[in-house]
Protein backbone atom coordinates (compact mmCIF):
# COMPACT_ATOMS: atom_id res chain seq x y z
CA MET A 1 0.26 -0.55 -0.48
CA ASP A 2 1.62 2.75 -0.96
CA ILE A 3 0.48 6.88 -0.62
CA ARG A 4 -0.66 7.35 -4.18
CA GLN A 5 -3.35 4.15 -3.47
CA LEU A 6 -4.99 5.73 -1.22
CA GLU A 7 -4.76 9.19 -2.82
CA TYR A 8 -6.72 7.45 -5.68
CA PHE A 9 -9.30 5.56 -3.25
CA LEU A 10 -10.41 8.62 -1.04
CA ALA A 11 -10.10 10.53 -4.43
CA VAL A 12 -13.11 7.98 -6.28
CA VAL A 13 -15.31 8.67 -2.22
CA GLU A 14 -15.35 12.14 -2.85
CA HIS A 15 -15.70 13.08 -6.28
CA GLY A 16 -18.64 9.59 -6.48
CA GLY A 17 -16.49 8.33 -9.79
CA VAL A 18 -13.72 7.50 -11.76
CA ASN A 19 -14.17 9.81 -14.27
CA ARG A 20 -14.24 12.98 -12.03
CA ALA A 21 -11.65 11.85 -9.26
CA ALA A 22 -9.08 11.13 -12.49
CA GLY A 23 -10.31 14.67 -13.86
CA HIS A 24 -9.86 16.09 -10.10
CA LEU A 25 -6.10 14.42 -9.66
CA HIS A 26 -4.75 15.12 -13.06
CA VAL A 27 -4.49 11.70 -13.90
CA ALA A 28 -5.47 9.01 -16.75
CA GLN A 29 -8.90 7.29 -15.58
CA ALA A 30 -6.69 3.63 -16.44
CA SER A 31 -4.01 4.77 -14.08
CA LEU A 32 -6.70 6.29 -10.87
CA SER A 33 -8.11 2.25 -11.87
CA GLN A 34 -5.54 0.07 -12.11
CA GLY A 35 -4.16 1.64 -8.71
CA ILE A 36 -7.11 0.95 -7.37
CA ARG A 37 -7.48 -1.95 -8.43
CA GLN A 38 -3.96 -3.00 -6.52
CA LEU A 39 -5.01 -1.54 -3.32
CA GLU A 40 -7.71 -4.24 -3.29
CA ARG A 41 -5.19 -6.97 -3.69
CA GLU A 42 -3.08 -5.76 -1.41
CA LEU A 43 -5.51 -5.72 1.05
CA LYS A 44 -6.66 -9.00 -0.05
CA LEU A 45 -10.51 -6.56 -0.29
CA SER A 46 -13.06 -5.87 -2.26
CA LEU A 47 -13.26 -2.06 -1.57
CA PHE A 48 -16.41 -1.36 -3.82
CA HIS A 49 -19.55 -2.51 -5.78
CA ARG A 50 -18.57 -1.92 -9.18
CA THR A 51 -22.22 -1.54 -10.54
CA GLY A 52 -21.77 -1.11 -15.26
CA ARG A 53 -18.74 2.25 -14.42
CA ASN A 54 -20.40 2.78 -11.32
CA LEU A 55 -18.35 2.63 -7.88
CA VAL A 56 -20.06 2.40 -4.55
CA LEU A 57 -18.54 1.61 -1.08
CA ASN A 58 -19.44 -1.35 -0.12
CA PRO A 59 -18.55 -1.82 4.34
CA ALA A 60 -14.76 -2.83 4.37
CA GLY A 61 -14.28 0.35 1.47
CA LYS A 62 -15.99 2.44 4.58
CA LEU A 63 -14.27 1.09 7.17
CA LEU A 64 -11.19 2.30 5.51
CA VAL A 65 -12.42 6.04 4.62
CA GLU A 66 -11.09 7.88 7.52
CA PRO A 67 -7.87 5.69 8.48
CA ALA A 68 -6.81 6.33 4.84
CA ARG A 69 -7.59 9.99 5.98
CA LYS A 70 -5.63 9.79 8.79
CA VAL A 71 -3.11 9.15 6.52
CA LEU A 72 -3.27 11.74 4.14
CA ASP A 73 -3.92 15.09 6.94
CA ASP A 74 -0.32 13.58 8.92
CA LEU A 75 1.63 13.54 5.45
CA LEU A 76 0.53 17.31 5.21
CA ALA A 77 0.91 18.41 8.36
CA ALA A 78 4.41 16.40 7.84
CA GLN A 79 5.35 18.16 4.54
CA ASP A 80 4.41 21.31 6.33
CA ILE A 81 6.92 21.09 9.12
CA MET A 82 9.10 20.57 7.22
CA ARG A 83 8.75 23.05 5.46
CA GLY A 84 8.80 25.17 7.49
CA ALA A 85 11.86 24.07 8.73
CA ARG A 86 13.49 25.04 5.23
CA GLU A 87 11.96 28.05 5.75
CA LEU A 88 14.44 28.45 8.91
CA GLN A 89 17.27 28.58 7.58
CA VAL A 90 17.60 31.33 5.56
CA GLY A 91 14.34 34.24 4.46
CA SER A 92 13.87 37.69 6.25
CA ILE A 93 11.59 39.01 8.55
CA THR A 94 10.36 42.73 8.42
CA ILE A 95 9.65 44.14 11.94
CA GLY A 96 8.29 47.62 13.00
CA THR A 97 8.95 49.32 15.67
CA MET A 98 7.49 53.28 16.79
CA PRO A 99 9.16 55.73 18.99
CA GLU A 100 8.17 54.44 23.09
CA MET A 101 9.41 50.93 21.68
CA SER A 102 12.90 51.94 20.84
CA SER A 103 14.78 50.05 18.33
CA GLU A 104 17.37 49.08 20.64
CA ALA A 105 15.10 47.45 23.34
CA VAL A 106 13.64 45.33 20.18
CA ALA A 107 16.87 44.68 18.64
CA ALA A 108 18.12 42.84 22.67
CA TRP A 109 14.99 41.19 22.14
CA SER A 110 15.57 39.68 19.29
CA GLY A 111 19.43 38.36 19.94
CA SER A 112 18.69 34.78 20.61
CA PHE A 113 16.11 34.40 17.76
CA THR A 114 19.41 35.77 16.25
CA ARG A 115 21.79 33.80 16.86
CA LEU A 116 19.86 30.33 16.41
CA HIS A 117 18.98 31.23 13.04
CA PRO A 118 21.93 33.74 11.59
CA ASP A 119 21.07 32.54 8.35
CA ILE A 120 17.35 35.30 8.79
CA ARG A 121 17.89 38.43 7.80
CA ILE A 122 15.57 40.74 10.04
CA ASP A 123 15.18 43.69 8.31
CA LEU A 124 14.24 46.71 11.08
CA SER A 125 12.21 50.04 10.78
CA GLU A 126 10.92 52.68 12.87
CA PHE A 127 7.43 54.62 12.35
CA PRO A 128 6.41 58.03 14.14
CA SER A 129 3.58 56.77 15.77
CA ALA A 130 0.89 54.14 16.38
CA THR A 131 -1.21 54.69 14.26
CA ALA A 132 1.56 54.21 11.96
CA LEU A 133 3.15 51.23 13.10
CA CYS A 134 -0.39 49.59 12.45
CA ASP A 135 -0.59 50.70 9.28
CA GLU A 136 1.99 49.45 7.81
CA VAL A 137 1.05 45.63 9.62
CA LEU A 138 -1.91 45.95 8.12
CA THR A 139 -1.04 46.41 4.58
CA GLY A 140 1.55 43.54 4.80
CA HIS A 141 4.78 46.17 4.27
CA CYS A 142 5.64 44.73 8.25
CA GLU A 143 4.73 41.35 9.53
CA LEU A 144 5.53 41.79 13.13
CA GLY A 145 4.84 45.55 14.95
CA PHE A 146 6.34 46.23 18.16
CA THR A 147 4.46 48.71 20.25
CA THR A 148 2.70 49.95 23.68
CA PHE A 149 -0.90 49.39 24.10
CA PRO A 150 -3.51 49.75 23.33
CA VAL A 151 -3.35 49.86 19.45
CA PRO A 152 -5.76 52.26 17.15
CA THR A 153 -7.80 48.76 15.66
CA ASP A 154 -9.23 46.21 16.47
CA ASN A 155 -8.06 43.93 13.15
CA LEU A 156 -4.57 43.11 14.09
CA GLU A 157 -3.42 40.22 15.88
CA THR A 158 -1.98 41.27 19.99
CA VAL A 159 0.69 39.68 21.83
CA GLU A 160 1.23 40.36 25.09
CA LEU A 161 4.49 40.92 26.81
CA GLY A 162 4.97 43.02 29.19
CA VAL A 163 5.01 46.26 31.56
CA GLN A 164 7.48 49.53 30.31
CA ARG A 165 8.32 50.52 33.41
CA LEU A 166 9.84 54.39 33.32
CA LEU A 167 12.71 55.73 35.16
CA LEU A 168 13.57 59.06 35.86
CA VAL A 169 17.10 59.11 34.98
CA ARG A 170 19.10 62.84 35.76
CA PRO A 171 22.69 64.18 34.89
CA PRO A 172 25.67 62.60 36.95
CA GLY A 173 26.62 64.08 40.20
CA THR A 174 22.81 64.93 40.97
CA SER A 175 22.39 64.88 44.43
CA VAL A 176 19.52 62.47 45.15
CA GLY A 177 19.61 61.31 49.02
CA ASP A 178 18.77 57.45 49.23
CA ASP A 179 18.46 56.57 45.94
CA ALA A 180 16.54 53.54 46.97
CA GLU A 181 13.98 55.26 47.63
CA PRO A 182 11.04 55.86 45.20
CA PHE A 183 11.71 59.84 43.66
CA ASP A 184 8.08 61.32 44.71
CA LEU A 185 6.14 63.01 41.56
CA THR A 186 5.02 66.16 43.10
CA ARG A 187 8.28 67.74 43.38
CA LEU A 188 9.23 67.21 39.55
CA ALA A 189 8.73 71.13 39.40
CA ASP A 190 11.79 72.06 40.32
CA VAL A 191 13.67 69.13 37.40
CA PRO A 192 14.87 70.68 34.06
CA LEU A 193 12.77 68.00 31.87
CA ALA A 194 14.20 67.10 28.53
CA THR A 195 10.90 65.25 26.21
CA SER A 196 11.00 63.38 23.05
CA SER A 197 9.18 64.88 20.32
CA SER A 198 8.11 61.72 18.32
CA ALA A 199 7.47 59.67 21.81
CA LEU A 200 3.82 61.57 21.79
CA ARG A 201 2.50 58.17 23.61
CA GLU A 202 4.58 58.35 25.96
CA ASN A 203 4.12 61.39 26.42
CA ASP A 204 0.90 61.64 27.09
CA ILE A 205 0.89 58.75 29.02
CA VAL A 206 3.71 60.85 31.60
CA ALA A 207 1.67 64.21 31.14
CA THR A 208 -1.66 61.90 32.53
CA VAL A 209 -0.01 60.63 35.98
CA LEU A 210 1.62 64.77 36.28
CA ARG A 211 -1.82 66.18 35.88
CA ARG A 212 -3.52 63.83 38.48
CA GLU A 213 -0.25 64.49 40.74
CA LYS A 214 -1.38 68.16 40.35
CA VAL A 215 2.21 69.29 38.86
CA ILE A 216 3.05 71.38 35.82
CA PRO A 217 6.93 70.16 34.37
CA ARG A 218 9.35 72.03 33.88
CA ILE A 219 10.20 71.26 29.56
CA SER A 220 13.68 72.73 29.00
CA ALA A 221 14.00 70.66 25.75
CA ARG A 222 12.72 68.84 22.85
CA VAL A 223 14.58 67.12 21.05
CA PRO A 224 14.15 64.05 18.12
CA ASN A 225 14.12 60.80 20.06
CA ARG A 226 16.14 59.55 22.91
CA HIS A 227 19.32 59.21 21.85
CA ALA A 228 19.50 62.93 22.14
CA GLN A 229 17.42 62.27 25.98
CA MET A 230 20.06 60.28 27.24
CA THR A 231 22.68 62.78 25.76
CA LEU A 232 21.44 65.86 27.60
CA VAL A 233 21.40 64.08 30.39
CA LEU A 234 24.70 62.44 30.59
CA SER A 235 26.44 66.62 29.74
CA GLY A 236 24.24 67.49 32.85
CA ALA A 237 21.60 69.52 30.98
CA ALA A 238 18.31 68.49 31.51
CA SER A 239 16.68 64.97 33.42
CA ALA A 240 14.48 62.67 31.25
CA PHE A 241 11.86 59.43 31.33
CA LEU A 242 13.34 56.69 29.65
CA PRO A 243 12.39 53.03 29.46
CA LEU A 244 13.94 50.28 32.34
CA ARG A 245 16.36 49.14 29.75
CA MET A 246 17.30 52.15 28.40
CA ALA A 247 18.07 54.05 32.32
CA THR A 248 20.58 50.93 32.76
CA ALA A 249 22.58 51.81 30.11
CA ALA A 250 22.09 55.47 31.11
CA HIS A 251 22.59 54.23 34.76
CA ARG A 252 26.28 52.79 33.32
CA LEU A 253 27.42 56.19 31.80
CA GLY A 254 26.76 57.61 34.84
CA ALA A 255 23.24 58.81 35.05
CA GLN A 256 21.30 59.15 38.58
CA VAL A 257 18.57 56.57 38.28
CA THR A 258 15.55 56.43 40.19
CA GLU A 259 11.96 55.03 40.49
CA THR A 260 9.04 56.80 40.99
CA ARG A 261 6.17 57.09 43.43
CA PRO A 262 3.79 56.79 41.40
CA ALA A 263 4.74 54.67 38.65
CA ILE A 264 4.48 55.39 34.79
CA ARG A 265 4.12 52.64 32.69
CA THR A 266 2.51 51.23 30.02
CA SER A 267 1.99 47.72 29.06
CA PHE A 268 3.99 46.26 25.10
CA GLY A 269 3.89 43.20 22.73
CA ILE A 270 3.25 42.60 19.13
CA VAL A 271 0.99 42.72 16.83
CA HIS A 272 0.51 41.08 13.76
CA ARG A 273 -2.35 40.09 10.90
CA PRO A 274 -4.65 37.80 11.68
CA GLY A 275 -4.01 33.78 10.30
CA ALA A 276 -1.12 31.57 10.26
CA LEU A 277 2.51 33.27 10.37
CA ASN A 278 4.86 32.60 8.29
CA PRO A 279 7.46 30.00 10.59
CA ALA A 280 10.24 32.95 11.20
CA ALA A 281 7.95 34.99 11.97
CA LYS A 282 6.12 32.66 14.47
CA SER A 283 9.02 31.35 15.70
CA PHE A 284 10.34 35.36 16.28
CA VAL A 285 7.36 36.16 18.28
CA ILE A 286 7.95 32.83 20.70
CA GLN A 287 12.06 34.17 21.41
CA SER A 288 11.00 37.17 21.96
CA HIS A 289 8.19 36.51 24.82
CA ALA A 290 10.86 34.07 25.86
CA ASP A 291 13.69 36.30 26.42
CA VAL A 292 10.88 39.25 27.89
CA ALA A 293 9.81 37.11 30.01
CA HIS A 294 13.32 35.30 30.87
CA TRP A 295 14.62 38.87 31.77
CA ASN A 296 11.47 39.64 34.01
CA LYS A 297 12.01 36.55 36.26
CA LEU A 298 14.92 37.32 36.96
CA ILE A 299 14.45 41.20 38.09
CA ASP A 300 12.10 39.54 40.08
CA ALA A 301 13.96 36.75 41.69
CA HIS A 302 16.42 39.74 42.57
CA GLN A 303 14.10 42.16 44.11
CA ARG A 304 12.43 40.01 46.38
CA SER A 305 15.57 39.37 47.55
CA GLY A 306 15.72 42.88 48.75
CA ALA A 307 17.15 45.19 45.28
CA SER A 308 15.41 48.52 44.09
CA LEU A 309 14.68 47.75 40.71
CA LEU A 310 16.95 49.46 38.96
CA ARG A 311 19.11 47.16 41.08
CA ALA A 312 17.43 43.79 39.47
CA ALA A 313 17.71 45.13 35.73
CA LEU A 314 21.65 45.36 36.04
CA LEU A 315 21.87 42.41 38.07
CA ALA A 316 19.37 40.54 35.24
CA ASP A 317 21.52 42.32 31.99
CA ASP A 318 24.76 41.00 33.97
CA GLU A 319 23.52 37.47 33.79
CA LEU A 320 21.97 37.16 29.89
CA HIS A 321 25.12 38.18 29.06
CA ALA A 322 27.28 36.35 30.99
CA ARG A 323 25.36 33.25 29.68
CA THR A 324 25.83 34.56 26.18
CA ARG A 325 29.59 34.01 26.90
CA GLY A 326 29.46 31.10 29.04
CA ASP A 327 30.94 32.51 31.86
CA ARG A 328 29.84 33.76 34.57
CA PRO A 329 28.50 37.56 35.68
CA HIS A 330 30.87 39.73 38.11
CA PRO A 331 28.95 39.99 42.11
């Protein structure tokens, strides 16, 4: 018994006769009939009642229908898996992000994927807003989009990855007192701030929290992006609200970083068009989810041991980098 014989058998069943089955499979009627007879000889059973040119399933034939369908379905599933494995060897993934979800963070989350699949190219682009990003995903120009939530459309699938925290990052040498204590936002009126003109959604989130605290911020500079914000902070010109991952990088460069009271946070994740993703994009989503979850798990463990959020993030980064290099993190 072979796959082609089962395919012939099911085609006759589903199309109601040899002629239509042969036409559907684009094979000669004689070849199909011969295949059916060969299957019956191997099974030592007749599968059809033959009435003139018509074939009608007999009881034995009816018993074979479901097992034959399962064999063919399993074969197609195996072929899909192998096709996916081939597609994971080469190709590219187009990914969009937005100012609030910096390309550095997305690159960090995709590090494990890149190491596992070095021949797959990641094409990363940044768009000015969540609306523009979602439009690019909806039109198919981007397969995946990293964004804060909520998104301005119901026509995309969403995958939540976590919560992004914004910390107050101040110039090196700033006297902060007990840096383990959160900075009370009611004191912010005396702090010169640099904001990013491209991170509109993030600015709205910060403004909402400050209004709730009845604080009017002192904006000393509006700059194009987060890199310019961090440059101003490190040069001593202003302070800024930056996401945790960038805040840890600023701390390593000498900036003073503190949590705020109340905390400023927003959920984030991935959007994509409805339907199945191609194997590379699906693998990317799974790996990104795993990387973010692992990073958060390490941070939570250090915080439970008494570390501040910043200290926990620094330790988590050290552990992840040490694992990538294959050595032990410094204490």
